[in-house]
Amino acid sequence: MHETGKRRLLGEKNLHLLFELTLGFKAIFALAEIAAGVATWLIPQRYFLALVLWVTRDEFAEDPHDLVANFLLHTVQHLSVDAQRFAGLYLLGHGVIKLWLVAGLLREKLWYFPVSIVIFALFIAYQAYRFTYTHSVWLLLVTALDVVVIALTWHEYRYLRSNREIVTPGS
């Protein structure tokens, strides 16, 4: 790609659009986490077990040794009430914090930008730690999205800050 095409592709308008798009994905994930957190907190374990049995029944009929189906069943059967409460609170808190940050970033409040970068970096650190135990591809994808969001947030912050300094010098 030649230099003009590269500049046009990475132009401010496209970067801003990409920033807003990634924030949209973060908001959707945050809302899903909030819903999952509330459900995990409120729904008794026996209903989770019934749901897993219902979802995996075809897999068990086809292959009683199915790895994913057995993992889900084992996890739900051995889920303590304390672990369920922790998971519910974690998902709820994580989702609320992310949604709050996304709302602040979309409103272009400058102080949200560095705060968001720090908090998203902390999420990445925790996700990297969790990955050492889970080896989850989904966790890697969420982490990759967080890295992109941090880079775009930093770019957007610098862009907004420089434009506000130009527009209102001495204010």
N, C-alpha and C. Protein backbone atom coordinates (compact mmCIF):
# COMPACT_ATOMS: atom_id res chain seq x y z
N MET A 1 0.85 -1.16 0.00
CA MET A 1 0.00 0.00 0.00
C MET A 1 0.90 1.24 0.00
N HIS A 2 0.57 2.18 -0.84
CA HIS A 2 1.41 3.38 -0.91
C HIS A 2 1.06 4.34 0.25
N GLU A 3 1.90 5.33 0.45
CA GLU A 3 1.83 6.22 1.61
C GLU A 3 0.49 6.95 1.72
N THR A 4 -0.06 7.45 0.62
CA THR A 4 -1.33 8.18 0.66
C THR A 4 -2.47 7.26 1.10
N GLY A 5 -2.50 6.06 0.57
CA GLY A 5 -3.53 5.09 0.96
C GLY A 5 -3.42 4.72 2.43
N LYS A 6 -2.20 4.60 2.93
CA LYS A 6 -1.98 4.26 4.33
C LYS A 6 -2.46 5.40 5.23
N ARG A 7 -2.15 6.64 4.85
CA ARG A 7 -2.60 7.79 5.64
C ARG A 7 -4.12 7.88 5.66
N ARG A 8 -4.74 7.59 4.51
CA ARG A 8 -6.20 7.66 4.43
C ARG A 8 -6.83 6.56 5.30
N LEU A 9 -6.25 5.35 5.28
CA LEU A 9 -6.75 4.24 6.07
C LEU A 9 -6.60 4.52 7.56
N LEU A 10 -5.49 5.11 7.96
CA LEU A 10 -5.24 5.41 9.36
C LEU A 10 -5.54 6.86 9.70
N GLY A 11 -6.39 7.51 8.91
CA GLY A 11 -6.76 8.89 9.16
C GLY A 11 -7.56 9.02 10.45
N GLU A 12 -7.62 10.25 10.95
CA GLU A 12 -8.30 10.50 12.22
C GLU A 12 -9.75 10.05 12.20
N LYS A 13 -10.42 10.28 11.10
CA LYS A 13 -11.83 9.91 11.01
C LYS A 13 -11.99 8.39 11.15
N ASN A 14 -11.15 7.62 10.44
CA ASN A 14 -11.23 6.16 10.53
C ASN A 14 -10.80 5.65 11.89
N LEU A 15 -9.77 6.25 12.47
CA LEU A 15 -9.34 5.83 13.80
C LEU A 15 -10.42 6.13 14.84
N HIS A 16 -11.07 7.27 14.72
CA HIS A 16 -12.15 7.61 15.64
C HIS A 16 -13.32 6.63 15.48
N LEU A 17 -13.64 6.29 14.25
CA LEU A 17 -14.71 5.32 13.99
C LEU A 17 -14.35 3.96 14.58
N LEU A 18 -13.11 3.53 14.40
CA LEU A 18 -12.65 2.27 14.97
C LEU A 18 -12.70 2.32 16.50
N PHE A 19 -12.31 3.45 17.07
CA PHE A 19 -12.38 3.65 18.52
C PHE A 19 -13.82 3.46 19.00
N GLU A 20 -14.76 4.12 18.35
CA GLU A 20 -16.16 4.00 18.75
C GLU A 20 -16.69 2.58 18.55
N LEU A 21 -16.26 1.92 17.49
CA LEU A 21 -16.69 0.55 17.23
C LEU A 21 -16.18 -0.40 18.33
N THR A 22 -14.91 -0.27 18.70
CA THR A 22 -14.38 -1.13 19.77
C THR A 22 -15.06 -0.82 21.10
N LEU A 23 -15.38 0.44 21.34
CA LEU A 23 -16.12 0.77 22.56
C LEU A 23 -17.52 0.15 22.53
N GLY A 24 -18.11 0.10 21.35
CA GLY A 24 -19.41 -0.57 21.21
C GLY A 24 -19.32 -2.04 21.58
N PHE A 25 -18.27 -2.71 21.12
CA PHE A 25 -18.06 -4.11 21.50
C PHE A 25 -17.85 -4.25 23.01
N LYS A 26 -17.06 -3.33 23.59
CA LYS A 26 -16.83 -3.36 25.03
C LYS A 26 -18.15 -3.17 25.78
N ALA A 27 -19.01 -2.28 25.29
CA ALA A 27 -20.30 -2.04 25.94
C ALA A 27 -21.18 -3.29 25.87
N ILE A 28 -21.20 -3.94 24.72
CA ILE A 28 -21.99 -5.17 24.57
C ILE A 28 -21.48 -6.24 25.52
N PHE A 29 -20.15 -6.43 25.59
CA PHE A 29 -19.57 -7.40 26.52
C PHE A 29 -19.90 -7.02 27.96
N ALA A 30 -19.84 -5.73 28.26
CA ALA A 30 -20.14 -5.27 29.63
C ALA A 30 -21.59 -5.58 30.00
N LEU A 31 -22.51 -5.32 29.09
CA LEU A 31 -23.92 -5.62 29.35
C LEU A 31 -24.14 -7.12 29.53
N ALA A 32 -23.45 -7.92 28.71
CA ALA A 32 -23.54 -9.39 28.85
C ALA A 32 -22.97 -9.83 30.20
N GLU A 33 -21.87 -9.22 30.63
CA GLU A 33 -21.29 -9.55 31.93
C GLU A 33 -22.24 -9.17 33.07
N ILE A 34 -22.87 -8.03 32.95
CA ILE A 34 -23.82 -7.60 33.98
C ILE A 34 -24.98 -8.59 34.06
N ALA A 35 -25.53 -8.96 32.91
CA ALA A 35 -26.64 -9.93 32.89
C ALA A 35 -26.19 -11.28 33.45
N ALA A 36 -25.00 -11.73 33.05
CA ALA A 36 -24.49 -13.01 33.55
C ALA A 36 -24.21 -12.93 35.05
N GLY A 37 -23.71 -11.80 35.51
CA GLY A 37 -23.45 -11.63 36.94
C GLY A 37 -24.72 -11.68 37.76
N VAL A 38 -25.74 -10.99 37.30
CA VAL A 38 -27.03 -11.00 38.01
C VAL A 38 -27.61 -12.41 37.99
N ALA A 39 -27.56 -13.07 36.84
CA ALA A 39 -28.10 -14.43 36.73
C ALA A 39 -27.32 -15.39 37.63
N THR A 40 -26.00 -15.27 37.63
CA THR A 40 -25.17 -16.15 38.46
C THR A 40 -25.46 -15.94 39.94
N TRP A 41 -25.70 -14.71 40.33
CA TRP A 41 -25.99 -14.39 41.73
C TRP A 41 -27.37 -14.91 42.14
N LEU A 42 -28.36 -14.75 41.25
CA LEU A 42 -29.75 -15.02 41.63
C LEU A 42 -30.23 -16.45 41.37
N ILE A 43 -29.68 -17.09 40.36
CA ILE A 43 -30.21 -18.40 39.95
C ILE A 43 -29.57 -19.51 40.79
N PRO A 44 -30.40 -20.34 41.42
CA PRO A 44 -29.86 -21.44 42.22
C PRO A 44 -29.06 -22.43 41.35
N GLN A 45 -28.12 -23.10 42.01
CA GLN A 45 -27.22 -24.02 41.30
C GLN A 45 -27.98 -25.12 40.56
N ARG A 46 -29.07 -25.61 41.13
CA ARG A 46 -29.80 -26.71 40.49
C ARG A 46 -30.31 -26.31 39.10
N TYR A 47 -30.62 -25.01 38.92
CA TYR A 47 -31.08 -24.56 37.61
C TYR A 47 -29.92 -24.51 36.61
N PHE A 48 -28.74 -24.14 37.08
CA PHE A 48 -27.56 -24.19 36.20
C PHE A 48 -27.31 -25.63 35.77
N LEU A 49 -27.43 -26.57 36.71
CA LEU A 49 -27.24 -27.98 36.39
C LEU A 49 -28.27 -28.44 35.37
N ALA A 50 -29.53 -28.06 35.57
CA ALA A 50 -30.59 -28.43 34.61
C ALA A 50 -30.31 -27.83 33.24
N LEU A 51 -29.84 -26.57 33.21
CA LEU A 51 -29.52 -25.93 31.94
C LEU A 51 -28.38 -26.65 31.23
N VAL A 52 -27.32 -26.98 31.97
CA VAL A 52 -26.18 -27.69 31.36
C VAL A 52 -26.61 -29.06 30.85
N LEU A 53 -27.41 -29.76 31.62
CA LEU A 53 -27.90 -31.07 31.17
C LEU A 53 -28.75 -30.93 29.90
N TRP A 54 -29.57 -29.91 29.85
CA TRP A 54 -30.42 -29.69 28.68
C TRP A 54 -29.57 -29.34 27.45
N VAL A 55 -28.58 -28.44 27.64
CA VAL A 55 -27.74 -28.00 26.52
C VAL A 55 -26.85 -29.13 26.00
N THR A 56 -26.38 -29.98 26.90
CA THR A 56 -25.42 -31.02 26.50
C THR A 56 -26.05 -32.38 26.22
N ARG A 57 -27.36 -32.51 26.34
CA ARG A 57 -28.00 -33.83 26.21
C ARG A 57 -27.70 -34.49 24.86
N ASP A 58 -27.72 -33.71 23.76
CA ASP A 58 -27.43 -34.29 22.44
C ASP A 58 -25.98 -34.75 22.34
N GLU A 59 -25.08 -33.96 22.93
CA GLU A 59 -23.66 -34.33 22.92
C GLU A 59 -23.43 -35.62 23.70
N PHE A 60 -24.06 -35.74 24.87
CA PHE A 60 -23.91 -36.95 25.67
C PHE A 60 -24.53 -38.16 24.97
N ALA A 61 -25.65 -37.95 24.26
CA ALA A 61 -26.28 -39.05 23.52
C ALA A 61 -25.36 -39.52 22.39
N GLU A 62 -24.69 -38.57 21.75
CA GLU A 62 -23.79 -38.89 20.65
C GLU A 62 -22.45 -39.45 21.14
N ASP A 63 -21.90 -38.82 22.19
CA ASP A 63 -20.59 -39.21 22.72
C ASP A 63 -20.57 -38.96 24.22
N PRO A 64 -20.77 -40.00 25.03
CA PRO A 64 -20.78 -39.83 26.49
C PRO A 64 -19.45 -39.30 27.07
N HIS A 65 -18.40 -39.35 26.27
CA HIS A 65 -17.08 -38.89 26.73
C HIS A 65 -16.72 -37.52 26.15
N ASP A 66 -17.70 -36.81 25.60
CA ASP A 66 -17.44 -35.50 25.01
C ASP A 66 -16.74 -34.60 26.03
N LEU A 67 -15.61 -34.04 25.63
CA LEU A 67 -14.77 -33.27 26.54
C LEU A 67 -15.47 -32.01 27.06
N VAL A 68 -16.06 -31.22 26.17
CA VAL A 68 -16.70 -29.96 26.57
C VAL A 68 -17.93 -30.23 27.44
N ALA A 69 -18.76 -31.17 27.03
CA ALA A 69 -19.97 -31.48 27.79
C ALA A 69 -19.61 -31.98 29.19
N ASN A 70 -18.63 -32.85 29.28
CA ASN A 70 -18.20 -33.35 30.60
C ASN A 70 -17.58 -32.25 31.45
N PHE A 71 -16.82 -31.35 30.82
CA PHE A 71 -16.24 -30.23 31.56
C PHE A 71 -17.33 -29.34 32.15
N LEU A 72 -18.33 -28.99 31.33
CA LEU A 72 -19.43 -28.15 31.81
C LEU A 72 -20.18 -28.83 32.96
N LEU A 73 -20.49 -30.11 32.78
CA LEU A 73 -21.22 -30.84 33.81
C LEU A 73 -20.41 -30.91 35.11
N HIS A 74 -19.13 -31.23 35.00
CA HIS A 74 -18.25 -31.32 36.17
C HIS A 74 -18.16 -29.96 36.88
N THR A 75 -18.01 -28.90 36.09
CA THR A 75 -17.88 -27.55 36.67
C THR A 75 -19.13 -27.17 37.46
N VAL A 76 -20.30 -27.38 36.87
CA VAL A 76 -21.55 -27.00 37.55
C VAL A 76 -21.79 -27.88 38.77
N GLN A 77 -21.47 -29.18 38.67
CA GLN A 77 -21.69 -30.07 39.81
C GLN A 77 -20.81 -29.71 41.00
N HIS A 78 -19.63 -29.16 40.73
CA HIS A 78 -18.68 -28.86 41.80
C HIS A 78 -18.60 -27.36 42.13
N LEU A 79 -19.58 -26.62 41.67
CA LEU A 79 -19.61 -25.18 41.94
C LEU A 79 -20.20 -24.94 43.32
N SER A 80 -19.39 -24.39 44.21
CA SER A 80 -19.89 -24.10 45.55
C SER A 80 -20.72 -22.82 45.51
N VAL A 81 -21.54 -22.64 46.52
CA VAL A 81 -22.35 -21.42 46.61
C VAL A 81 -21.44 -20.20 46.71
N ASP A 82 -20.35 -20.32 47.49
CA ASP A 82 -19.40 -19.20 47.60
C ASP A 82 -18.76 -18.87 46.26
N ALA A 83 -18.37 -19.89 45.50
CA ALA A 83 -17.76 -19.66 44.18
C ALA A 83 -18.77 -19.03 43.23
N GLN A 84 -20.01 -19.47 43.33
CA GLN A 84 -21.07 -18.91 42.49
C GLN A 84 -21.30 -17.45 42.84
N ARG A 85 -21.32 -17.12 44.12
CA ARG A 85 -21.51 -15.73 44.56
C ARG A 85 -20.34 -14.86 44.10
N PHE A 86 -19.12 -15.37 44.25
CA PHE A 86 -17.94 -14.63 43.81
C PHE A 86 -18.01 -14.37 42.30
N ALA A 87 -18.34 -15.41 41.53
CA ALA A 87 -18.43 -15.26 40.08
C ALA A 87 -19.49 -14.22 39.71
N GLY A 88 -20.62 -14.27 40.40
CA GLY A 88 -21.69 -13.30 40.13
C GLY A 88 -21.25 -11.88 40.42
N LEU A 89 -20.63 -11.68 41.58
CA LEU A 89 -20.15 -10.34 41.94
C LEU A 89 -19.04 -9.87 41.01
N TYR A 90 -18.13 -10.78 40.66
CA TYR A 90 -17.02 -10.42 39.76
C TYR A 90 -17.57 -9.97 38.40
N LEU A 91 -18.46 -10.77 37.82
CA LEU A 91 -19.03 -10.42 36.51
C LEU A 91 -19.80 -9.11 36.58
N LEU A 92 -20.59 -8.95 37.61
CA LEU A 92 -21.38 -7.73 37.77
C LEU A 92 -20.46 -6.51 37.92
N GLY A 93 -19.48 -6.61 38.80
CA GLY A 93 -18.55 -5.49 39.02
C GLY A 93 -17.74 -5.16 37.79
N HIS A 94 -17.22 -6.19 37.15
CA HIS A 94 -16.42 -6.02 35.93
C HIS A 94 -17.25 -5.34 34.84
N GLY A 95 -18.48 -5.80 34.67
CA GLY A 95 -19.36 -5.23 33.64
C GLY A 95 -19.74 -3.78 33.93
N VAL A 96 -20.06 -3.49 35.19
CA VAL A 96 -20.45 -2.12 35.56
C VAL A 96 -19.28 -1.16 35.37
N ILE A 97 -18.08 -1.57 35.79
CA ILE A 97 -16.90 -0.72 35.64
C ILE A 97 -16.63 -0.44 34.16
N LYS A 98 -16.67 -1.50 33.33
CA LYS A 98 -16.43 -1.30 31.89
C LYS A 98 -17.48 -0.40 31.26
N LEU A 99 -18.73 -0.60 31.62
CA LEU A 99 -19.79 0.23 31.04
C LEU A 99 -19.62 1.69 31.46
N TRP A 100 -19.27 1.93 32.71
CA TRP A 100 -19.01 3.28 33.20
C TRP A 100 -17.86 3.93 32.43
N LEU A 101 -16.78 3.18 32.21
CA LEU A 101 -15.64 3.72 31.46
C LEU A 101 -16.02 4.02 30.01
N VAL A 102 -16.72 3.10 29.38
CA VAL A 102 -17.13 3.30 27.99
C VAL A 102 -18.00 4.54 27.87
N ALA A 103 -18.94 4.71 28.78
CA ALA A 103 -19.82 5.89 28.75
C ALA A 103 -19.00 7.17 28.89
N GLY A 104 -18.04 7.18 29.78
CA GLY A 104 -17.19 8.36 29.96
C GLY A 104 -16.33 8.65 28.75
N LEU A 105 -15.80 7.58 28.14
CA LEU A 105 -14.98 7.77 26.94
C LEU A 105 -15.81 8.31 25.78
N LEU A 106 -17.01 7.80 25.62
CA LEU A 106 -17.87 8.28 24.53
C LEU A 106 -18.31 9.72 24.75
N ARG A 107 -18.38 10.16 26.00
CA ARG A 107 -18.73 11.55 26.30
C ARG A 107 -17.51 12.47 26.17
N GLU A 108 -16.35 11.87 25.88
CA GLU A 108 -15.09 12.59 25.65
C GLU A 108 -14.66 13.42 26.86
N LYS A 109 -14.90 12.90 28.05
CA LYS A 109 -14.39 13.52 29.27
C LYS A 109 -12.92 13.11 29.38
N LEU A 110 -12.01 14.08 29.30
CA LEU A 110 -10.58 13.77 29.19
C LEU A 110 -10.05 12.94 30.35
N TRP A 111 -10.50 13.16 31.56
CA TRP A 111 -9.94 12.42 32.69
C TRP A 111 -10.27 10.93 32.63
N TYR A 112 -11.33 10.55 31.89
CA TYR A 112 -11.67 9.14 31.74
C TYR A 112 -10.60 8.38 30.95
N PHE A 113 -9.92 9.05 30.05
CA PHE A 113 -8.97 8.38 29.17
C PHE A 113 -7.82 7.73 29.93
N PRO A 114 -7.05 8.48 30.74
CA PRO A 114 -5.97 7.81 31.48
C PRO A 114 -6.49 6.80 32.51
N VAL A 115 -7.62 7.12 33.14
CA VAL A 115 -8.22 6.18 34.10
C VAL A 115 -8.59 4.88 33.40
N SER A 116 -9.20 5.00 32.22
CA SER A 116 -9.60 3.82 31.46
C SER A 116 -8.38 3.00 31.04
N ILE A 117 -7.35 3.66 30.61
CA ILE A 117 -6.14 2.94 30.19
C ILE A 117 -5.57 2.13 31.36
N VAL A 118 -5.50 2.74 32.53
CA VAL A 118 -4.98 2.03 33.71
C VAL A 118 -5.87 0.85 34.07
N ILE A 119 -7.18 1.07 34.10
CA ILE A 119 -8.10 -0.01 34.49
C ILE A 119 -8.09 -1.13 33.45
N PHE A 120 -8.11 -0.79 32.17
CA PHE A 120 -8.04 -1.83 31.14
C PHE A 120 -6.72 -2.59 31.21
N ALA A 121 -5.63 -1.92 31.54
CA ALA A 121 -4.33 -2.59 31.71
C ALA A 121 -4.39 -3.55 32.89
N LEU A 122 -5.06 -3.16 33.97
CA LEU A 122 -5.23 -4.07 35.10
C LEU A 122 -6.07 -5.29 34.71
N PHE A 123 -7.12 -5.06 33.92
CA PHE A 123 -7.91 -6.19 33.41
C PHE A 123 -7.02 -7.12 32.58
N ILE A 124 -6.18 -6.56 31.74
CA ILE A 124 -5.28 -7.37 30.91
C ILE A 124 -4.34 -8.19 31.79
N ALA A 125 -3.80 -7.57 32.81
CA ALA A 125 -2.89 -8.29 33.72
C ALA A 125 -3.62 -9.46 34.38
N TYR A 126 -4.83 -9.22 34.84
CA TYR A 126 -5.59 -10.30 35.48
C TYR A 126 -5.95 -11.39 34.45
N GLN A 127 -6.34 -10.98 33.24
CA GLN A 127 -6.68 -11.95 32.20
C GLN A 127 -5.46 -12.78 31.82
N ALA A 128 -4.29 -12.18 31.79
CA ALA A 128 -3.06 -12.93 31.49
C ALA A 128 -2.81 -13.96 32.59
N TYR A 129 -3.01 -13.54 33.83
CA TYR A 129 -2.87 -14.46 34.96
C TYR A 129 -3.87 -15.61 34.83
N ARG A 130 -5.13 -15.30 34.54
CA ARG A 130 -6.17 -16.34 34.40
C ARG A 130 -5.86 -17.27 33.23
N PHE A 131 -5.27 -16.71 32.16
CA PHE A 131 -4.95 -17.53 30.99
C PHE A 131 -3.97 -18.65 31.35
N THR A 132 -3.08 -18.39 32.30
CA THR A 132 -2.12 -19.43 32.69
C THR A 132 -2.84 -20.64 33.28
N TYR A 133 -4.06 -20.45 33.76
CA TYR A 133 -4.84 -21.57 34.30
C TYR A 133 -5.83 -22.14 33.29
N THR A 134 -6.46 -21.28 32.51
CA THR A 134 -7.56 -21.72 31.64
C THR A 134 -7.13 -22.05 30.22
N HIS A 135 -6.15 -21.36 29.70
CA HIS A 135 -5.72 -21.48 28.29
C HIS A 135 -6.90 -21.24 27.34
N SER A 136 -7.78 -20.33 27.73
CA SER A 136 -8.99 -20.04 26.97
C SER A 136 -8.69 -19.13 25.77
N VAL A 137 -9.11 -19.57 24.60
CA VAL A 137 -8.97 -18.76 23.39
C VAL A 137 -9.81 -17.51 23.51
N TRP A 138 -11.00 -17.63 24.13
CA TRP A 138 -11.89 -16.48 24.31
C TRP A 138 -11.22 -15.41 25.17
N LEU A 139 -10.50 -15.86 26.19
CA LEU A 139 -9.80 -14.92 27.05
C LEU A 139 -8.72 -14.18 26.27
N LEU A 140 -8.06 -14.89 25.36
CA LEU A 140 -7.06 -14.23 24.51
C LEU A 140 -7.71 -13.20 23.59
N LEU A 141 -8.86 -13.53 23.05
CA LEU A 141 -9.56 -12.60 22.15
C LEU A 141 -10.03 -11.35 22.90
N VAL A 142 -10.55 -11.53 24.10
CA VAL A 142 -10.98 -10.39 24.91
C VAL A 142 -9.76 -9.53 25.28
N THR A 143 -8.65 -10.19 25.60
CA THR A 143 -7.42 -9.47 25.93
C THR A 143 -6.91 -8.70 24.72
N ALA A 144 -6.96 -9.31 23.55
CA ALA A 144 -6.53 -8.62 22.33
C ALA A 144 -7.41 -7.39 22.08
N LEU A 145 -8.71 -7.52 22.29
CA LEU A 145 -9.61 -6.37 22.15
C LEU A 145 -9.23 -5.28 23.14
N ASP A 146 -8.91 -5.67 24.38
CA ASP A 146 -8.50 -4.69 25.38
C ASP A 146 -7.23 -3.96 24.96
N VAL A 147 -6.27 -4.67 24.37
CA VAL A 147 -5.03 -4.04 23.90
C VAL A 147 -5.34 -3.01 22.81
N VAL A 148 -6.21 -3.39 21.88
CA VAL A 148 -6.61 -2.47 20.81
C VAL A 148 -7.32 -1.26 21.41
N VAL A 149 -8.22 -1.50 22.37
CA VAL A 149 -8.95 -0.39 23.00
C VAL A 149 -7.97 0.55 23.71
N ILE A 150 -6.98 0.01 24.38
CA ILE A 150 -5.99 0.87 25.06
C ILE A 150 -5.24 1.72 24.04
N ALA A 151 -4.78 1.10 22.96
CA ALA A 151 -4.04 1.86 21.93
C ALA A 151 -4.91 2.95 21.32
N LEU A 152 -6.15 2.62 21.01
CA LEU A 152 -7.06 3.61 20.42
C LEU A 152 -7.45 4.68 21.44
N THR A 153 -7.59 4.29 22.70
CA THR A 153 -7.92 5.26 23.75
C THR A 153 -6.78 6.25 23.92
N TRP A 154 -5.55 5.76 23.92
CA TRP A 154 -4.38 6.64 24.02
C TRP A 154 -4.33 7.61 22.84
N HIS A 155 -4.55 7.07 21.63
CA HIS A 155 -4.54 7.92 20.44
C HIS A 155 -5.64 8.98 20.53
N GLU A 156 -6.84 8.55 20.87
CA GLU A 156 -7.98 9.47 20.95
C GLU A 156 -7.73 10.54 22.02
N TYR A 157 -7.16 10.15 23.13
CA TYR A 157 -6.85 11.09 24.21
C TYR A 157 -5.87 12.16 23.73
N ARG A 158 -4.80 11.73 23.09
CA ARG A 158 -3.80 12.69 22.59
C ARG A 158 -4.43 13.61 21.54
N TYR A 159 -5.26 13.04 20.66
CA TYR A 159 -5.91 13.83 19.62
C TYR A 159 -6.86 14.87 20.23
N LEU A 160 -7.72 14.45 21.15
CA LEU A 160 -8.67 15.37 21.78
C LEU A 160 -7.95 16.45 22.58
N ARG A 161 -6.94 16.04 23.32
CA ARG A 161 -6.20 16.99 24.15
C ARG A 161 -5.50 18.04 23.29
N SER A 162 -4.87 17.60 22.20
CA SER A 162 -4.17 18.57 21.34
C SER A 162 -5.16 19.49 20.63
N ASN A 163 -6.31 18.98 20.23
CA ASN A 163 -7.32 19.83 19.58
C ASN A 163 -7.93 20.82 20.56
N ARG A 164 -8.12 20.44 21.79
CA ARG A 164 -8.68 21.36 22.78
C ARG A 164 -7.67 22.44 23.14
N GLU A 165 -6.40 22.10 23.13
CA GLU A 165 -5.36 23.10 23.40
C GLU A 165 -5.26 24.10 22.26
N ILE A 166 -5.45 23.63 21.02
CA ILE A 166 -5.38 24.51 19.85
C ILE A 166 -6.60 25.43 19.81
N VAL A 167 -7.79 24.86 20.08
CA VAL A 167 -9.03 25.60 20.00
C VAL A 167 -9.12 26.65 21.11
N THR A 168 -8.69 26.28 22.31
CA THR A 168 -8.84 27.19 23.44
C THR A 168 -7.48 27.49 24.10
N PRO A 169 -6.56 28.15 23.36
CA PRO A 169 -5.28 28.45 24.01
C PRO A 169 -5.47 29.51 25.08
N GLY A 170 -4.81 29.30 26.20
CA GLY A 170 -4.86 30.27 27.28
C GLY A 170 -6.13 30.22 28.11
N SER A 171 -7.05 29.27 27.82
CA SER A 171 -8.29 29.16 28.61
C SER A 171 -8.09 28.28 29.79
